[in-house]
Full PDB file with SEQRES, HELIX, SHEET, SSBOND, CRYST1, ORIGX, SCALE, CONECT and MASTER records, all heavy atoms in Angstrom:
SEQRES   1 A   30  GLY ALA MET PHE LYS GLU LYS LEU LEU ILE SER SER SER          
SEQRES   2 A   30  PRO VAL ASN TYR ILE ILE VAL ASP GLU SER LYS LEU VAL          
SEQRES   3 A   30  ASP ARG LEU GLY                                              
HELIX    1 AA1 MET A    3  SER A   12  1                                  10    
HELIX    2 AA2 GLU A   22  LYS A   24  5                                   3    
CRYST1    1.000    1.000    1.000  90.00  90.00  90.00 P 1           1          
ORIGX1      1.000000  0.000000  0.000000        0.00000                         
ORIGX2      0.000000  1.000000  0.000000        0.00000                         
ORIGX3      0.000000  0.000000  1.000000        0.00000                         
SCALE1      1.000000  0.000000  0.000000        0.00000                         
SCALE2      0.000000  1.000000  0.000000        0.00000                         
SCALE3      0.000000  0.000000  1.000000        0.00000                         
ATOM      1  N   GLY A   1       4.367   0.199  11.296  1.00  0.00           N  
ATOM      2  CA  GLY A   1       3.261  -0.341  12.072  1.00  0.00           C  
ATOM      3  C   GLY A   1       1.948  -0.437  11.325  1.00  0.00           C  
ATOM      4  O   GLY A   1       0.915  -0.702  11.935  1.00  0.00           O  
ATOM      5  N   ALA A   2       1.970  -0.247   9.990  1.00  0.00           N  
ATOM      6  CA  ALA A   2       0.709  -0.229   9.232  1.00  0.00           C  
ATOM      7  C   ALA A   2       0.574  -1.444   8.330  1.00  0.00           C  
ATOM      8  O   ALA A   2      -0.085  -1.379   7.291  1.00  0.00           O  
ATOM      9  CB  ALA A   2       0.629   1.056   8.404  1.00  0.00           C  
ATOM     10  N   MET A   3       1.179  -2.585   8.727  1.00  0.00           N  
ATOM     11  CA  MET A   3       1.205  -3.729   7.808  1.00  0.00           C  
ATOM     12  C   MET A   3      -0.168  -4.303   7.500  1.00  0.00           C  
ATOM     13  O   MET A   3      -0.389  -4.851   6.419  1.00  0.00           O  
ATOM     14  CB  MET A   3       2.135  -4.836   8.307  1.00  0.00           C  
ATOM     15  CG  MET A   3       1.911  -5.323   9.714  1.00  0.00           C  
ATOM     16  SD  MET A   3       2.823  -4.278  10.866  1.00  0.00           S  
ATOM     17  CE  MET A   3       2.653  -5.193  12.388  1.00  0.00           C  
ATOM     18  N   PHE A   4      -1.123  -4.199   8.432  1.00  0.00           N  
ATOM     19  CA  PHE A   4      -2.455  -4.738   8.154  1.00  0.00           C  
ATOM     20  C   PHE A   4      -3.101  -4.001   6.980  1.00  0.00           C  
ATOM     21  O   PHE A   4      -3.556  -4.617   6.011  1.00  0.00           O  
ATOM     22  CB  PHE A   4      -3.343  -4.650   9.395  1.00  0.00           C  
ATOM     23  CG  PHE A   4      -4.772  -5.028   9.125  1.00  0.00           C  
ATOM     24  CD1 PHE A   4      -5.125  -6.345   8.914  1.00  0.00           C  
ATOM     25  CD2 PHE A   4      -5.762  -4.060   9.056  1.00  0.00           C  
ATOM     26  CE1 PHE A   4      -6.443  -6.706   8.642  1.00  0.00           C  
ATOM     27  CE2 PHE A   4      -7.077  -4.403   8.791  1.00  0.00           C  
ATOM     28  CZ  PHE A   4      -7.416  -5.723   8.582  1.00  0.00           C  
ATOM     29  N   LYS A   5      -3.144  -2.676   7.039  1.00  0.00           N  
ATOM     30  CA  LYS A   5      -3.768  -1.910   5.964  1.00  0.00           C  
ATOM     31  C   LYS A   5      -2.948  -1.993   4.680  1.00  0.00           C  
ATOM     32  O   LYS A   5      -3.501  -2.013   3.570  1.00  0.00           O  
ATOM     33  CB  LYS A   5      -3.954  -0.461   6.393  1.00  0.00           C  
ATOM     34  CG  LYS A   5      -5.013  -0.284   7.471  1.00  0.00           C  
ATOM     35  CD  LYS A   5      -5.213   1.178   7.823  1.00  0.00           C  
ATOM     36  CE  LYS A   5      -6.283   1.335   8.899  1.00  0.00           C  
ATOM     37  NZ  LYS A   5      -6.460   2.750   9.296  1.00  0.00           N  
ATOM     38  N   GLU A   6      -1.615  -2.056   4.827  1.00  0.00           N  
ATOM     39  CA  GLU A   6      -0.784  -2.183   3.636  1.00  0.00           C  
ATOM     40  C   GLU A   6      -1.050  -3.503   2.922  1.00  0.00           C  
ATOM     41  O   GLU A   6      -1.169  -3.553   1.690  1.00  0.00           O  
ATOM     42  CB  GLU A   6       0.693  -2.075   4.031  1.00  0.00           C  
ATOM     43  CG  GLU A   6       1.105  -0.679   4.464  1.00  0.00           C  
ATOM     44  CD  GLU A   6       2.494  -0.619   5.054  1.00  0.00           C  
ATOM     45  OE1 GLU A   6       3.080  -1.683   5.346  1.00  0.00           O  
ATOM     46  OE2 GLU A   6       2.998   0.502   5.247  1.00  0.00           O  
ATOM     47  N   LYS A   7      -1.168  -4.579   3.677  1.00  0.00           N  
ATOM     48  CA  LYS A   7      -1.419  -5.889   3.057  1.00  0.00           C  
ATOM     49  C   LYS A   7      -2.824  -5.955   2.468  1.00  0.00           C  
ATOM     50  O   LYS A   7      -3.035  -6.550   1.407  1.00  0.00           O  
ATOM     51  CB  LYS A   7      -1.205  -7.009   4.069  1.00  0.00           C  
ATOM     52  CG  LYS A   7      -1.241  -8.398   3.446  1.00  0.00           C  
ATOM     53  CD  LYS A   7      -0.761  -9.467   4.414  1.00  0.00           C  
ATOM     54  CE  LYS A   7       0.725  -9.390   4.657  1.00  0.00           C  
ATOM     55  NZ  LYS A   7       1.224 -10.544   5.465  1.00  0.00           N  
ATOM     56  N   LEU A   8      -3.777  -5.329   3.147  1.00  0.00           N  
ATOM     57  CA  LEU A   8      -5.140  -5.290   2.624  1.00  0.00           C  
ATOM     58  C   LEU A   8      -5.188  -4.586   1.283  1.00  0.00           C  
ATOM     59  O   LEU A   8      -5.825  -5.055   0.333  1.00  0.00           O  
ATOM     60  CB  LEU A   8      -6.060  -4.590   3.634  1.00  0.00           C  
ATOM     61  CG  LEU A   8      -7.528  -4.420   3.230  1.00  0.00           C  
ATOM     62  CD1 LEU A   8      -8.182  -5.767   2.973  1.00  0.00           C  
ATOM     63  CD2 LEU A   8      -8.286  -3.662   4.318  1.00  0.00           C  
ATOM     64  N   LEU A   9      -4.474  -3.463   1.168  1.00  0.00           N  
ATOM     65  CA  LEU A   9      -4.473  -2.720  -0.089  1.00  0.00           C  
ATOM     66  C   LEU A   9      -3.709  -3.461  -1.186  1.00  0.00           C  
ATOM     67  O   LEU A   9      -4.159  -3.515  -2.334  1.00  0.00           O  
ATOM     68  CB  LEU A   9      -3.863  -1.334   0.119  1.00  0.00           C  
ATOM     69  CG  LEU A   9      -4.819  -0.189   0.444  1.00  0.00           C  
ATOM     70  CD1 LEU A   9      -4.089   1.146   0.438  1.00  0.00           C  
ATOM     71  CD2 LEU A   9      -5.984  -0.132  -0.527  1.00  0.00           C  
ATOM     72  N   ILE A  10      -2.554  -4.035  -0.844  1.00  0.00           N  
ATOM     73  CA  ILE A  10      -1.796  -4.785  -1.848  1.00  0.00           C  
ATOM     74  C   ILE A  10      -2.614  -5.966  -2.358  1.00  0.00           C  
ATOM     75  O   ILE A  10      -2.607  -6.281  -3.562  1.00  0.00           O  
ATOM     76  CB  ILE A  10      -0.446  -5.246  -1.269  1.00  0.00           C  
ATOM     77  CG1 ILE A  10       0.541  -4.074  -1.266  1.00  0.00           C  
ATOM     78  CG2 ILE A  10       0.135  -6.417  -2.057  1.00  0.00           C  
ATOM     79  CD1 ILE A  10       1.923  -4.425  -0.758  1.00  0.00           C  
ATOM     80  N   SER A  11      -3.340  -6.608  -1.470  1.00  0.00           N  
ATOM     81  CA  SER A  11      -4.177  -7.734  -1.878  1.00  0.00           C  
ATOM     82  C   SER A  11      -5.343  -7.292  -2.744  1.00  0.00           C  
ATOM     83  O   SER A  11      -5.878  -8.082  -3.531  1.00  0.00           O  
ATOM     84  CB  SER A  11      -4.707  -8.465  -0.633  1.00  0.00           C  
ATOM     85  OG  SER A  11      -3.659  -8.958   0.159  1.00  0.00           O  
ATOM     86  N   SER A  12      -5.747  -6.041  -2.608  1.00  0.00           N  
ATOM     87  CA  SER A  12      -6.899  -5.512  -3.347  1.00  0.00           C  
ATOM     88  C   SER A  12      -6.513  -4.867  -4.665  1.00  0.00           C  
ATOM     89  O   SER A  12      -7.388  -4.565  -5.488  1.00  0.00           O  
ATOM     90  CB  SER A  12      -7.636  -4.466  -2.487  1.00  0.00           C  
ATOM     91  OG  SER A  12      -8.049  -5.006  -1.255  1.00  0.00           O  
ATOM     92  N   SER A  13      -5.211  -4.635  -4.866  1.00  0.00           N  
ATOM     93  CA  SER A  13      -4.764  -3.880  -6.033  1.00  0.00           C  
ATOM     94  C   SER A  13      -4.189  -4.806  -7.107  1.00  0.00           C  
ATOM     95  O   SER A  13      -3.402  -5.702  -6.789  1.00  0.00           O  
ATOM     96  CB  SER A  13      -3.699  -2.859  -5.614  1.00  0.00           C  
ATOM     97  OG  SER A  13      -3.175  -2.186  -6.733  1.00  0.00           O  
ATOM     98  N   PRO A  14      -4.518  -4.590  -8.377  1.00  0.00           N  
ATOM     99  CA  PRO A  14      -3.984  -5.447  -9.439  1.00  0.00           C  
ATOM    100  C   PRO A  14      -2.526  -5.146  -9.793  1.00  0.00           C  
ATOM    101  O   PRO A  14      -1.837  -5.988 -10.354  1.00  0.00           O  
ATOM    102  CB  PRO A  14      -4.904  -5.143 -10.629  1.00  0.00           C  
ATOM    103  CG  PRO A  14      -5.403  -3.758 -10.373  1.00  0.00           C  
ATOM    104  CD  PRO A  14      -5.517  -3.626  -8.887  1.00  0.00           C  
ATOM    105  N   VAL A  15      -2.048  -3.935  -9.472  1.00  0.00           N  
ATOM    106  CA  VAL A  15      -0.678  -3.523  -9.791  1.00  0.00           C  
ATOM    107  C   VAL A  15      -0.085  -2.861  -8.548  1.00  0.00           C  
ATOM    108  O   VAL A  15      -0.689  -1.956  -7.975  1.00  0.00           O  
ATOM    109  CB  VAL A  15      -0.639  -2.531 -10.975  1.00  0.00           C  
ATOM    110  CG1 VAL A  15       0.794  -2.113 -11.271  1.00  0.00           C  
ATOM    111  CG2 VAL A  15      -1.294  -3.136 -12.203  1.00  0.00           C  
ATOM    112  N   ASN A  16       1.111  -3.321  -8.154  1.00  0.00           N  
ATOM    113  CA  ASN A  16       1.735  -2.807  -6.935  1.00  0.00           C  
ATOM    114  C   ASN A  16       3.200  -2.460  -7.191  1.00  0.00           C  
ATOM    115  O   ASN A  16       3.997  -3.337  -7.548  1.00  0.00           O  
ATOM    116  CB  ASN A  16       1.655  -3.849  -5.817  1.00  0.00           C  
ATOM    117  CG  ASN A  16       0.227  -4.212  -5.458  1.00  0.00           C  
ATOM    118  OD1 ASN A  16      -0.501  -3.419  -4.912  1.00  0.00           O  
ATOM    119  ND2 ASN A  16      -0.179  -5.441  -5.792  1.00  0.00           N  
ATOM    120  N   TYR A  17       3.551  -1.195  -7.011  1.00  0.00           N  
ATOM    121  CA  TYR A  17       4.930  -0.738  -7.145  1.00  0.00           C  
ATOM    122  C   TYR A  17       5.544  -0.588  -5.760  1.00  0.00           C  
ATOM    123  O   TYR A  17       5.022   0.143  -4.925  1.00  0.00           O  
ATOM    124  CB  TYR A  17       4.989   0.596  -7.885  1.00  0.00           C  
ATOM    125  CG  TYR A  17       4.444   0.546  -9.288  1.00  0.00           C  
ATOM    126  CD1 TYR A  17       3.213   1.115  -9.597  1.00  0.00           C  
ATOM    127  CD2 TYR A  17       5.155  -0.085 -10.316  1.00  0.00           C  
ATOM    128  CE1 TYR A  17       2.711   1.066 -10.894  1.00  0.00           C  
ATOM    129  CE2 TYR A  17       4.655  -0.151 -11.600  1.00  0.00           C  
ATOM    130  CZ  TYR A  17       3.429   0.430 -11.887  1.00  0.00           C  
ATOM    131  OH  TYR A  17       2.933   0.378 -13.166  1.00  0.00           O  
ATOM    132  N   ILE A  18       6.653  -1.301  -5.532  1.00  0.00           N  
ATOM    133  CA  ILE A  18       7.356  -1.236  -4.258  1.00  0.00           C  
ATOM    134  C   ILE A  18       8.663  -0.480  -4.472  1.00  0.00           C  
ATOM    135  O   ILE A  18       9.504  -0.883  -5.276  1.00  0.00           O  
ATOM    136  CB  ILE A  18       7.636  -2.648  -3.694  1.00  0.00           C  
ATOM    137  CG1 ILE A  18       6.323  -3.423  -3.536  1.00  0.00           C  
ATOM    138  CG2 ILE A  18       8.383  -2.551  -2.372  1.00  0.00           C  
ATOM    139  CD1 ILE A  18       5.339  -2.798  -2.572  1.00  0.00           C  
ATOM    140  N   ILE A  19       8.827   0.604  -3.730  1.00  0.00           N  
ATOM    141  CA  ILE A  19       9.958   1.511  -3.918  1.00  0.00           C  
ATOM    142  C   ILE A  19      11.008   1.230  -2.846  1.00  0.00           C  
ATOM    143  O   ILE A  19      10.728   1.333  -1.645  1.00  0.00           O  
ATOM    144  CB  ILE A  19       9.508   2.973  -3.813  1.00  0.00           C  
ATOM    145  CG1 ILE A  19       8.332   3.247  -4.766  1.00  0.00           C  
ATOM    146  CG2 ILE A  19      10.659   3.916  -4.107  1.00  0.00           C  
ATOM    147  CD1 ILE A  19       7.576   4.523  -4.445  1.00  0.00           C  
ATOM    148  N   VAL A  20      12.224   0.890  -3.271  1.00  0.00           N  
ATOM    149  CA  VAL A  20      13.312   0.628  -2.327  1.00  0.00           C  
ATOM    150  C   VAL A  20      14.616   1.176  -2.886  1.00  0.00           C  
ATOM    151  O   VAL A  20      14.724   1.477  -4.079  1.00  0.00           O  
ATOM    152  CB  VAL A  20      13.475  -0.885  -2.050  1.00  0.00           C  
ATOM    153  CG1 VAL A  20      12.245  -1.460  -1.374  1.00  0.00           C  
ATOM    154  CG2 VAL A  20      13.788  -1.652  -3.330  1.00  0.00           C  
ATOM    155  N   ASP A  21      15.623   1.309  -2.014  1.00  0.00           N  
ATOM    156  CA  ASP A  21      16.974   1.555  -2.497  1.00  0.00           C  
ATOM    157  C   ASP A  21      17.803   0.291  -2.265  1.00  0.00           C  
ATOM    158  O   ASP A  21      17.306  -0.711  -1.736  1.00  0.00           O  
ATOM    159  CB  ASP A  21      17.598   2.786  -1.833  1.00  0.00           C  
ATOM    160  CG  ASP A  21      17.657   2.668  -0.318  1.00  0.00           C  
ATOM    161  OD1 ASP A  21      17.801   1.533   0.189  1.00  0.00           O  
ATOM    162  OD2 ASP A  21      17.559   3.706   0.359  1.00  0.00           O  
ATOM    163  N   GLU A  22      19.080   0.324  -2.667  1.00  0.00           N  
ATOM    164  CA  GLU A  22      19.902  -0.887  -2.636  1.00  0.00           C  
ATOM    165  C   GLU A  22      20.063  -1.453  -1.233  1.00  0.00           C  
ATOM    166  O   GLU A  22      20.260  -2.661  -1.065  1.00  0.00           O  
ATOM    167  CB  GLU A  22      21.280  -0.604  -3.240  1.00  0.00           C  
ATOM    168  CG  GLU A  22      21.250  -0.404  -4.754  1.00  0.00           C  
ATOM    169  CD  GLU A  22      22.650  -0.270  -5.340  1.00  0.00           C  
ATOM    170  OE1 GLU A  22      23.616  -0.268  -4.551  1.00  0.00           O  
ATOM    171  OE2 GLU A  22      22.763  -0.161  -6.568  1.00  0.00           O  
ATOM    172  N   SER A  23      19.965  -0.609  -0.226  1.00  0.00           N  
ATOM    173  CA  SER A  23      20.148  -1.077   1.152  1.00  0.00           C  
ATOM    174  C   SER A  23      19.058  -2.042   1.581  1.00  0.00           C  
ATOM    175  O   SER A  23      19.217  -2.780   2.561  1.00  0.00           O  
ATOM    176  CB  SER A  23      20.192   0.122   2.113  1.00  0.00           C  
ATOM    177  OG  SER A  23      18.919   0.743   2.207  1.00  0.00           O  
ATOM    178  N   LYS A  24      17.933  -2.061   0.859  1.00  0.00           N  
ATOM    179  CA  LYS A  24      16.802  -2.925   1.234  1.00  0.00           C  
ATOM    180  C   LYS A  24      16.852  -4.291   0.547  1.00  0.00           C  
ATOM    181  O   LYS A  24      16.021  -5.146   0.841  1.00  0.00           O  
ATOM    182  CB  LYS A  24      15.479  -2.228   0.876  1.00  0.00           C  
ATOM    183  CG  LYS A  24      15.319  -0.838   1.487  1.00  0.00           C  
ATOM    184  CD  LYS A  24      15.342  -0.872   2.990  1.00  0.00           C  
ATOM    185  CE  LYS A  24      15.279   0.505   3.611  1.00  0.00           C  
ATOM    186  NZ  LYS A  24      14.032   1.217   3.343  1.00  0.00           N  
ATOM    187  N   LEU A  25      17.813  -4.486  -0.343  1.00  0.00           N  
ATOM    188  CA  LEU A  25      17.929  -5.765  -1.040  1.00  0.00           C  
ATOM    189  C   LEU A  25      18.709  -6.755  -0.188  1.00  0.00           C  
ATOM    190  O   LEU A  25      19.805  -6.453   0.301  1.00  0.00           O  
ATOM    191  CB  LEU A  25      18.628  -5.576  -2.392  1.00  0.00           C  
ATOM    192  CG  LEU A  25      17.982  -4.576  -3.360  1.00  0.00           C  
ATOM    193  CD1 LEU A  25      18.772  -4.518  -4.661  1.00  0.00           C  
ATOM    194  CD2 LEU A  25      16.524  -4.935  -3.632  1.00  0.00           C  
ATOM    195  N   VAL A  26      18.149  -7.948   0.003  1.00  0.00           N  
ATOM    196  CA  VAL A  26      18.789  -8.968   0.833  1.00  0.00           C  
ATOM    197  C   VAL A  26      18.745 -10.317   0.114  1.00  0.00           C  
ATOM    198  O   VAL A  26      17.900 -10.549  -0.753  1.00  0.00           O  
ATOM    199  CB  VAL A  26      18.095  -9.096   2.209  1.00  0.00           C  
ATOM    200  CG1 VAL A  26      18.222  -7.801   3.003  1.00  0.00           C  
ATOM    201  CG2 VAL A  26      16.622  -9.489   2.060  1.00  0.00           C  
ATOM    202  N   ASP A  27      19.677 -11.185   0.483  1.00  0.00           N  
ATOM    203  CA  ASP A  27      19.659 -12.551  -0.046  1.00  0.00           C  
ATOM    204  C   ASP A  27      18.640 -13.413   0.680  1.00  0.00           C  
ATOM    205  O   ASP A  27      18.116 -14.370   0.118  1.00  0.00           O  
ATOM    206  CB  ASP A  27      21.049 -13.185   0.076  1.00  0.00           C  
ATOM    207  CG  ASP A  27      22.075 -12.507  -0.817  1.00  0.00           C  
ATOM    208  OD1 ASP A  27      21.684 -12.032  -1.903  1.00  0.00           O  
ATOM    209  OD2 ASP A  27      23.253 -12.434  -0.419  1.00  0.00           O  
ATOM    210  N   ARG A  28      18.366 -13.065   1.957  1.00  0.00           N  
ATOM    211  CA  ARG A  28      17.453 -13.851   2.776  1.00  0.00           C  
ATOM    212  C   ARG A  28      16.581 -12.927   3.611  1.00  0.00           C  
ATOM    213  O   ARG A  28      17.093 -12.012   4.262  1.00  0.00           O  
ATOM    214  CB  ARG A  28      18.248 -14.777   3.705  1.00  0.00           C  
ATOM    215  CG  ARG A  28      17.396 -15.586   4.661  1.00  0.00           C  
ATOM    216  CD  ARG A  28      18.254 -16.395   5.624  1.00  0.00           C  
ATOM    217  NE  ARG A  28      19.035 -15.554   6.524  1.00  0.00           N  
ATOM    218  CZ  ARG A  28      18.552 -15.006   7.639  1.00  0.00           C  
ATOM    219  NH1 ARG A  28      17.275 -15.175   7.979  1.00  0.00           N  
ATOM    220  NH2 ARG A  28      19.328 -14.276   8.415  1.00  0.00           N  
ATOM    221  N   LEU A  29      15.274 -13.131   3.580  1.00  0.00           N  
ATOM    222  CA  LEU A  29      14.384 -12.337   4.418  1.00  0.00           C  
ATOM    223  C   LEU A  29      14.741 -12.522   5.888  1.00  0.00           C  
ATOM    224  O   LEU A  29      15.018 -13.625   6.335  1.00  0.00           O  
ATOM    225  CB  LEU A  29      12.922 -12.743   4.202  1.00  0.00           C  
ATOM    226  CG  LEU A  29      12.224 -12.284   2.922  1.00  0.00           C  
ATOM    227  CD1 LEU A  29      10.752 -12.702   2.960  1.00  0.00           C  
ATOM    228  CD2 LEU A  29      12.341 -10.789   2.707  1.00  0.00           C  
ATOM    229  N   GLY A  30      14.726 -11.429   6.629  1.00  0.00           N  
ATOM    230  CA  GLY A  30      15.083 -11.470   8.034  1.00  0.00           C  
ATOM    231  C   GLY A  30      16.556 -11.229   8.287  1.00  0.00           C  
ATOM    232  O   GLY A  30      17.006 -11.335   9.429  1.00  0.00           O  
TER     233      GLY A  30                                                      
MASTER        0    0    0    2    0    0    0    6  232    1    0    3          
END                                                                             
């Protein structure tokens, strides 16, 4: 539920590391 602040920070940061495991990898969003 924190996508607004998350997007604000990602937009403000020059380097962004996104941490996921294999279960989060998809061929198509949604």
